Amino acid sequence: MKNYKKWCKMIRFIINEFEKISKKNKGKINLINIWDTEFKLEKKFKVRSKTSQKLSWQVLESRRNGGFIPYVR
């Protein structure tokens, strides 16, 4: 359960960062913004680059598919 809570916090962190960026850039997020968000996530939650990439991809795909984020182990 501890990992699930951490996963939720990381997903929420990415969503909040992407929302801040998209508000500043008229609803758009570029690749550099995604990388910056991943670096912030890695530093804050002490996770690997691979993990941050997977989570940011899940958030981007979920937004594209209607907002549902499935729990994937």
C-alpha atoms as a PDB file:
ATOM      1  CA  MET A   1       0.000   0.000   0.000  1.00  0.00           C
ATOM      2  CA  LYS A   2       2.912   2.321   0.676  1.00  0.00           C
ATOM      3  CA  ASN A   3       4.046   2.088  -2.951  1.00  0.00           C
ATOM      4  CA  TYR A   4       0.528   2.845  -4.166  1.00  0.00           C
ATOM      5  CA  LYS A   5       0.427   6.036  -2.097  1.00  0.00           C
ATOM      6  CA  LYS A   6       3.806   7.093  -3.475  1.00  0.00           C
ATOM      7  CA  TRP A   7       2.632   6.302  -6.996  1.00  0.00           C
ATOM      8  CA  CYS A   8      -0.474   8.465  -6.484  1.00  0.00           C
ATOM      9  CA  LYS A   9       1.614  11.354  -5.149  1.00  0.00           C
ATOM     10  CA  MET A  10       3.978  11.157  -8.117  1.00  0.00           C
ATOM     11  CA  ILE A  11       1.123  11.060 -10.633  1.00  0.00           C
ATOM     12  CA  ARG A  12      -0.534  14.035  -8.919  1.00  0.00           C
ATOM     13  CA  PHE A  13       2.801  15.905  -8.979  1.00  0.00           C
ATOM     14  CA  ILE A  14       3.167  15.364 -12.735  1.00  0.00           C
ATOM     15  CA  ILE A  15      -0.429  16.378 -13.434  1.00  0.00           C
ATOM     16  CA  ASN A  16      -0.031  19.580 -11.407  1.00  0.00           C
ATOM     17  CA  GLU A  17       3.231  20.466 -13.149  1.00  0.00           C
ATOM     18  CA  PHE A  18       1.751  19.841 -16.603  1.00  0.00           C
ATOM     19  CA  GLU A  19      -1.295  21.957 -15.735  1.00  0.00           C
ATOM     20  CA  LYS A  20       0.918  24.863 -14.615  1.00  0.00           C
ATOM     21  CA  ILE A  21       2.977  24.647 -17.807  1.00  0.00           C
ATOM     22  CA  SER A  22      -0.029  24.369 -20.101  1.00  0.00           C
ATOM     23  CA  LYS A  23      -1.695  27.406 -18.506  1.00  0.00           C
ATOM     24  CA  LYS A  24       1.412  29.483 -19.231  1.00  0.00           C
ATOM     25  CA  ASN A  25       1.782  28.187 -22.807  1.00  0.00           C
ATOM     26  CA  LYS A  26      -1.801  28.383 -24.095  1.00  0.00           C
ATOM     27  CA  GLY A  27      -2.545  24.704 -23.463  1.00  0.00           C
ATOM     28  CA  LYS A  28       0.670  23.326 -24.939  1.00  0.00           C
ATOM     29  CA  ILE A  29       3.507  21.313 -23.428  1.00  0.00           C
ATOM     30  CA  ASN A  30       6.743  20.722 -25.302  1.00  0.00           C
ATOM     31  CA  LEU A  31       9.397  18.051 -24.909  1.00  0.00           C
ATOM     32  CA  ILE A  32      11.688  20.259 -22.820  1.00  0.00           C
ATOM     33  CA  ASN A  33       8.833  20.859 -20.352  1.00  0.00           C
ATOM     34  CA  ILE A  34       8.272  17.112 -20.064  1.00  0.00           C
ATOM     35  CA  TRP A  35      11.977  16.507 -19.386  1.00  0.00           C
ATOM     36  CA  ASP A  36      12.092  19.281 -16.785  1.00  0.00           C
ATOM     37  CA  THR A  37       9.081  17.793 -15.020  1.00  0.00           C
ATOM     38  CA  GLU A  38      10.685  14.344 -15.065  1.00  0.00           C
ATOM     39  CA  PHE A  39      13.901  15.761 -13.549  1.00  0.00           C
ATOM     40  CA  LYS A  40      11.911  17.480 -10.804  1.00  0.00           C
ATOM     41  CA  LEU A  41      10.072  14.224 -10.077  1.00  0.00           C
ATOM     42  CA  GLU A  42      13.324  12.256  -9.894  1.00  0.00           C
ATOM     43  CA  LYS A  43      14.821  14.747  -7.486  1.00  0.00           C
ATOM     44  CA  LYS A  44      11.764  15.128  -5.271  1.00  0.00           C
ATOM     45  CA  PHE A  45      10.774  11.452  -4.995  1.00  0.00           C
ATOM     46  CA  LYS A  46      14.234   9.920  -5.516  1.00  0.00           C
ATOM     47  CA  VAL A  47      13.191   7.671  -8.381  1.00  0.00           C
ATOM     48  CA  ARG A  48      15.055   6.512 -11.461  1.00  0.00           C
ATOM     49  CA  SER A  49      14.806   8.143 -14.854  1.00  0.00           C
ATOM     50  CA  LYS A  50      13.007   5.101 -16.236  1.00  0.00           C
ATOM     51  CA  THR A  51      10.292   5.443 -13.582  1.00  0.00           C
ATOM     52  CA  SER A  52       9.763   9.151 -14.218  1.00  0.00           C
ATOM     53  CA  GLN A  53       9.512   8.519 -17.959  1.00  0.00           C
ATOM     54  CA  LYS A  54       6.898   5.783 -17.484  1.00  0.00           C
ATOM     55  CA  LEU A  55       4.807   7.951 -15.175  1.00  0.00           C
ATOM     56  CA  SER A  56       4.905  11.024 -17.397  1.00  0.00           C
ATOM     57  CA  TRP A  57       3.969   8.858 -20.399  1.00  0.00           C
ATOM     58  CA  GLN A  58       1.025   7.413 -18.425  1.00  0.00           C
ATOM     59  CA  VAL A  59      -0.211  10.916 -17.617  1.00  0.00           C
ATOM     60  CA  LEU A  60       0.132  12.104 -21.220  1.00  0.00           C
ATOM     61  CA  GLU A  61      -1.600   9.006 -22.594  1.00  0.00           C
ATOM     62  CA  SER A  62      -4.388   9.255 -20.044  1.00  0.00           C
ATOM     63  CA  ARG A  63      -5.087  12.851 -21.018  1.00  0.00           C
ATOM     64  CA  ARG A  64      -5.188  11.825 -24.641  1.00  0.00           C
ATOM     65  CA  ASN A  65      -7.581   8.952 -23.870  1.00  0.00           C
ATOM     66  CA  GLY A  66     -10.020  10.824 -21.686  1.00  0.00           C
ATOM     67  CA  GLY A  67      -8.386  11.196 -18.292  1.00  0.00           C
ATOM     68  CA  PHE A  68      -8.356   7.671 -16.863  1.00  0.00           C
ATOM     69  CA  ILE A  69      -5.023   6.524 -15.397  1.00  0.00           C
ATOM     70  CA  PRO A  70      -4.903   2.745 -14.915  1.00  0.00           C
ATOM     71  CA  TYR A  71      -2.736   1.310 -12.153  1.00  0.00           C
ATOM     72  CA  VAL A  72       0.079  -0.603 -13.837  1.00  0.00           C
ATOM     73  CA  ARG A  73       2.792  -2.404 -11.868  1.00  0.00           C
END
